[in-house]
Amino acid sequence: MNKQQVKGRYEEAKGKAKDVAGHAVGNEKLEVEGKIQKKAGKAQAGIGDAKAKIKKGS
């Protein structure tokens, strides 16, 4: 795993935690922040996956 993948997965996990916590306590703002952070983390991890795939193919 490269740094991009690790950071992305970490951000995804933090976003998921915020999303669940926001939903549990009825805090819509926290829930939305979590969903956004989750998607950003997923995108970052995807970039890392692509880099790893390119590097592996070379």
Protein backbone atom coordinates (compact mmCIF):
# COMPACT_ATOMS: atom_id res chain seq x y z
CA MET A 1 0.00 0.00 0.00
CA ASN A 2 1.22 3.45 -0.82
CA LYS A 3 0.72 6.59 1.28
CA GLN A 4 -2.18 7.78 -0.87
CA GLN A 5 -4.08 4.55 -0.28
CA VAL A 6 -3.47 4.63 3.47
CA LYS A 7 -4.49 8.28 3.82
CA GLY A 8 -7.58 7.68 1.72
CA ARG A 9 -8.71 4.66 3.72
CA TYR A 10 -8.08 6.60 6.96
CA GLU A 11 -10.19 9.54 5.76
CA GLU A 12 -12.90 7.12 4.68
CA ALA A 13 -12.97 5.59 8.16
CA LYS A 14 -13.09 9.00 9.85
CA GLY A 15 -15.91 10.04 7.54
CA LYS A 16 -17.87 6.88 8.29
CA ALA A 17 -17.50 7.52 12.02
CA LYS A 18 -18.75 11.10 11.64
CA ASP A 19 -21.62 9.95 9.45
CA VAL A 20 -22.76 7.32 11.96
CA ALA A 21 -22.29 9.62 14.96
CA GLY A 22 -24.18 12.43 13.27
CA HIS A 23 -27.02 10.09 12.39
CA ALA A 24 -27.13 8.63 15.91
CA VAL A 25 -27.42 12.01 17.65
CA GLY A 26 -29.52 13.67 14.96
CA ASN A 27 -26.82 16.16 13.96
CA GLU A 28 -27.42 16.60 10.23
CA LYS A 29 -24.36 18.85 9.76
CA LEU A 30 -22.02 16.22 11.23
CA GLU A 31 -23.68 13.52 9.17
CA VAL A 32 -23.20 15.49 5.93
CA GLU A 33 -19.57 16.29 6.83
CA GLY A 34 -19.00 12.58 7.37
CA LYS A 35 -20.50 11.64 4.02
CA ILE A 36 -18.36 14.24 2.24
CA GLN A 37 -15.22 13.10 4.06
CA LYS A 38 -16.02 9.48 3.23
CA LYS A 39 -16.35 10.27 -0.48
CA ALA A 40 -13.15 12.34 -0.47
CA GLY A 41 -11.29 9.51 1.24
CA LYS A 42 -12.63 7.02 -1.25
CA ALA A 43 -11.46 9.21 -4.13
CA GLN A 44 -8.01 9.62 -2.56
CA ALA A 45 -7.73 5.87 -2.02
CA GLY A 46 -8.79 5.33 -5.63
CA ILE A 47 -5.98 7.58 -6.82
CA GLY A 48 -3.58 5.58 -4.69
CA ASP A 49 -4.94 2.33 -6.12
CA ALA A 50 -4.44 3.64 -9.65
CA LYS A 51 -0.86 4.69 -8.86
CA ALA A 52 -0.13 1.27 -7.41
CA LYS A 53 -1.61 -0.43 -10.45
CA ILE A 54 0.47 1.71 -12.80
CA LYS A 55 3.62 1.07 -10.79
CA LYS A 56 2.93 -2.68 -10.71
CA GLY A 57 2.40 -2.72 -14.47
CA SER A 58 5.69 -0.95 -15.18
